[in-house]
C-alpha atoms as a PDB file:
ATOM      1  CA  MET A   1      41.552 -36.714  68.693  1.00  0.00           C
ATOM      2  CA  ARG A   2      44.894 -35.039  69.192  1.00  0.00           C
ATOM      3  CA  ALA A   3      47.071 -34.207  66.261  1.00  0.00           C
ATOM      4  CA  ILE A   4      50.050 -36.511  66.197  1.00  0.00           C
ATOM      5  CA  ARG A   5      53.436 -35.306  65.016  1.00  0.00           C
ATOM      6  CA  GLY A   6      56.345 -37.291  63.719  1.00  0.00           C
ATOM      7  CA  ARG A   7      56.456 -40.774  62.325  1.00  0.00           C
ATOM      8  CA  PHE A   8      54.057 -42.486  64.725  1.00  0.00           C
ATOM      9  CA  LEU A   9      51.409 -43.224  62.099  1.00  0.00           C
ATOM     10  CA  ALA A  10      53.425 -46.055  60.568  1.00  0.00           C
ATOM     11  CA  THR A  11      50.791 -48.711  61.300  1.00  0.00           C
ATOM     12  CA  GLY A  12      47.068 -48.808  61.944  1.00  0.00           C
ATOM     13  CA  ALA A  13      47.777 -50.148  65.427  1.00  0.00           C
ATOM     14  CA  VAL A  14      49.803 -47.096  66.341  1.00  0.00           C
ATOM     15  CA  PHE A  15      47.146 -44.744  64.992  1.00  0.00           C
ATOM     16  CA  ALA A  16      44.439 -46.440  67.023  1.00  0.00           C
ATOM     17  CA  LEU A  17      46.644 -46.410  70.085  1.00  0.00           C
ATOM     18  CA  LEU A  18      47.167 -42.679  69.882  1.00  0.00           C
ATOM     19  CA  CYS A  19      43.421 -42.171  69.756  1.00  0.00           C
ATOM     20  CA  ALA A  20      42.911 -44.164  72.950  1.00  0.00           C
ATOM     21  CA  PRO A  21      41.259 -42.044  75.627  1.00  0.00           C
ATOM     22  CA  GLY A  22      43.101 -41.040  78.767  1.00  0.00           C
ATOM     23  CA  LEU A  23      46.689 -41.164  77.525  1.00  0.00           C
ATOM     24  CA  THR A  24      49.002 -38.227  78.075  1.00  0.00           C
ATOM     25  CA  VAL A  25      51.220 -37.019  75.238  1.00  0.00           C
ATOM     26  CA  ALA A  26      54.241 -38.700  76.851  1.00  0.00           C
ATOM     27  CA  GLN A  27      52.287 -41.950  77.231  1.00  0.00           C
ATOM     28  CA  GLU A  28      51.162 -41.720  73.616  1.00  0.00           C
ATOM     29  CA  ARG A  29      54.756 -41.504  72.440  1.00  0.00           C
ATOM     30  CA  GLU A  30      55.878 -44.361  74.661  1.00  0.00           C
ATOM     31  CA  ALA A  31      52.867 -46.481  73.679  1.00  0.00           C
ATOM     32  CA  ALA A  32      53.569 -45.889  69.995  1.00  0.00           C
ATOM     33  CA  TYR A  33      57.003 -47.448  70.356  1.00  0.00           C
ATOM     34  CA  VAL A  34      55.770 -50.329  72.483  1.00  0.00           C
ATOM     35  CA  SER A  35      52.695 -51.410  70.555  1.00  0.00           C
ATOM     36  CA  ALA A  36      54.150 -50.998  67.078  1.00  0.00           C
ATOM     37  CA  ASN A  37      56.271 -54.083  67.675  1.00  0.00           C
ATOM     38  CA  CYS A  38      53.226 -56.092  68.744  1.00  0.00           C
ATOM     39  CA  ALA A  39      51.461 -55.358  65.449  1.00  0.00           C
ATOM     40  CA  ASN A  40      54.081 -57.356  63.553  1.00  0.00           C
ATOM     41  CA  CYS A  41      52.679 -60.635  64.879  1.00  0.00           C
ATOM     42  CA  HIS A  42      49.464 -59.771  66.732  1.00  0.00           C
ATOM     43  CA  GLY A  43      48.085 -57.594  63.932  1.00  0.00           C
ATOM     44  CA  PRO A  44      46.890 -54.008  63.736  1.00  0.00           C
ATOM     45  CA  GLN A  45      45.022 -52.989  66.880  1.00  0.00           C
ATOM     46  CA  GLY A  46      45.882 -56.365  68.407  1.00  0.00           C
ATOM     47  CA  ARG A  47      43.653 -58.293  65.999  1.00  0.00           C
ATOM     48  CA  SER A  48      45.566 -61.184  64.490  1.00  0.00           C
ATOM     49  CA  GLY A  49      44.843 -64.222  62.405  1.00  0.00           C
ATOM     50  CA  ALA A  50      44.288 -67.694  63.817  1.00  0.00           C
ATOM     51  CA  ALA A  51      47.973 -68.572  64.242  1.00  0.00           C
ATOM     52  CA  VAL A  52      48.789 -65.841  66.778  1.00  0.00           C
ATOM     53  CA  PRO A  53      46.475 -64.822  69.653  1.00  0.00           C
ATOM     54  CA  SER A  54      44.627 -61.518  69.380  1.00  0.00           C
ATOM     55  CA  LEU A  55      45.439 -59.071  72.162  1.00  0.00           C
ATOM     56  CA  ALA A  56      42.521 -56.680  71.677  1.00  0.00           C
ATOM     57  CA  GLY A  57      40.061 -56.744  74.550  1.00  0.00           C
ATOM     58  CA  LEU A  58      42.025 -59.048  76.815  1.00  0.00           C
ATOM     59  CA  PRO A  59      42.031 -57.976  80.463  1.00  0.00           C
ATOM     60  CA  SER A  60      44.960 -55.712  81.295  1.00  0.00           C
ATOM     61  CA  ARG A  61      45.993 -57.817  84.302  1.00  0.00           C
ATOM     62  CA  TYR A  62      46.060 -60.964  82.139  1.00  0.00           C
ATOM     63  CA  ILE A  63      48.346 -59.321  79.573  1.00  0.00           C
ATOM     64  CA  VAL A  64      50.686 -58.089  82.313  1.00  0.00           C
ATOM     65  CA  GLU A  65      50.804 -61.530  83.959  1.00  0.00           C
ATOM     66  CA  GLN A  66      51.563 -63.259  80.660  1.00  0.00           C
ATOM     67  CA  MET A  67      54.269 -60.762  79.714  1.00  0.00           C
ATOM     68  CA  GLN A  68      55.876 -61.151  83.142  1.00  0.00           C
ATOM     69  CA  ALA A  69      55.749 -64.942  82.740  1.00  0.00           C
ATOM     70  CA  PHE A  70      57.441 -64.658  79.342  1.00  0.00           C
ATOM     71  CA  LYS A  71      60.059 -62.348  80.847  1.00  0.00           C
ATOM     72  CA  ALA A  72      60.750 -64.750  83.704  1.00  0.00           C
ATOM     73  CA  GLY A  73      60.871 -67.739  81.366  1.00  0.00           C
ATOM     74  CA  THR A  74      58.037 -69.502  83.199  1.00  0.00           C
ATOM     75  CA  ARG A  75      55.702 -69.520  80.196  1.00  0.00           C
ATOM     76  CA  PRO A  76      56.974 -71.467  77.195  1.00  0.00           C
ATOM     77  CA  ALA A  77      57.287 -69.535  73.955  1.00  0.00           C
ATOM     78  CA  THR A  78      59.079 -69.544  70.650  1.00  0.00           C
ATOM     79  CA  ILE A  79      60.056 -65.868  70.665  1.00  0.00           C
ATOM     80  CA  MET A  80      57.960 -64.000  73.258  1.00  0.00           C
ATOM     81  CA  HIS A  81      60.330 -64.834  76.108  1.00  0.00           C
ATOM     82  CA  GLN A  82      63.081 -62.993  74.223  1.00  0.00           C
ATOM     83  CA  LEU A  83      60.892 -60.042  73.249  1.00  0.00           C
ATOM     84  CA  ALA A  84      59.377 -59.593  76.714  1.00  0.00           C
ATOM     85  CA  LYS A  85      62.802 -59.102  78.270  1.00  0.00           C
ATOM     86  CA  GLY A  86      63.163 -55.901  76.252  1.00  0.00           C
ATOM     87  CA  TYR A  87      60.246 -54.150  77.948  1.00  0.00           C
ATOM     88  CA  THR A  88      60.186 -52.365  81.284  1.00  0.00           C
ATOM     89  CA  ASP A  89      57.355 -53.034  83.711  1.00  0.00           C
ATOM     90  CA  SER A  90      55.865 -49.607  82.940  1.00  0.00           C
ATOM     91  CA  GLN A  91      55.952 -50.316  79.198  1.00  0.00           C
ATOM     92  CA  ILE A  92      54.186 -53.624  79.786  1.00  0.00           C
ATOM     93  CA  GLU A  93      51.528 -51.855  81.879  1.00  0.00           C
ATOM     94  CA  LEU A  94      51.029 -49.218  79.179  1.00  0.00           C
ATOM     95  CA  MET A  95      50.765 -51.835  76.437  1.00  0.00           C
ATOM     96  CA  ALA A  96      48.317 -53.893  78.489  1.00  0.00           C
ATOM     97  CA  SER A  97      46.161 -50.853  79.188  1.00  0.00           C
ATOM     98  CA  TYR A  98      45.971 -50.032  75.512  1.00  0.00           C
ATOM     99  CA  PHE A  99      45.104 -53.520  74.299  1.00  0.00           C
ATOM    100  CA  SER A 100      42.517 -54.033  77.036  1.00  0.00           C
ATOM    101  CA  SER A 101      40.765 -50.825  75.941  1.00  0.00           C
ATOM    102  CA  LEU A 102      40.084 -52.252  72.475  1.00  0.00           C
ATOM    103  CA  PRO A 103      37.009 -54.355  71.638  1.00  0.00           C
ATOM    104  CA  ARG A 104      37.508 -58.084  71.173  1.00  0.00           C
ATOM    105  CA  PRO A 105      37.568 -59.173  67.524  1.00  0.00           C
END
């Protein structure tokens, strides 16, 4: 595991993300910003309670498709359509890659 500098260890989700294999240092930093927001509703490491879907272990392509649908407004949501608009396509891909690498709860 690489030593992580700065304030990226704010949540368990971010810590687990930075330990994910195959990420470059730049990707780790970007992923820390992206996935930390997800933990607020989807739980640490993408494992949430019953009210909000868990993201851990979902196929990467599925996560990307759903985020793009939220962004386009074609999938109904209470808040995700607003949040999704704030992410670039590369951030969505990075987030999806991370969550798909985790085991399902």
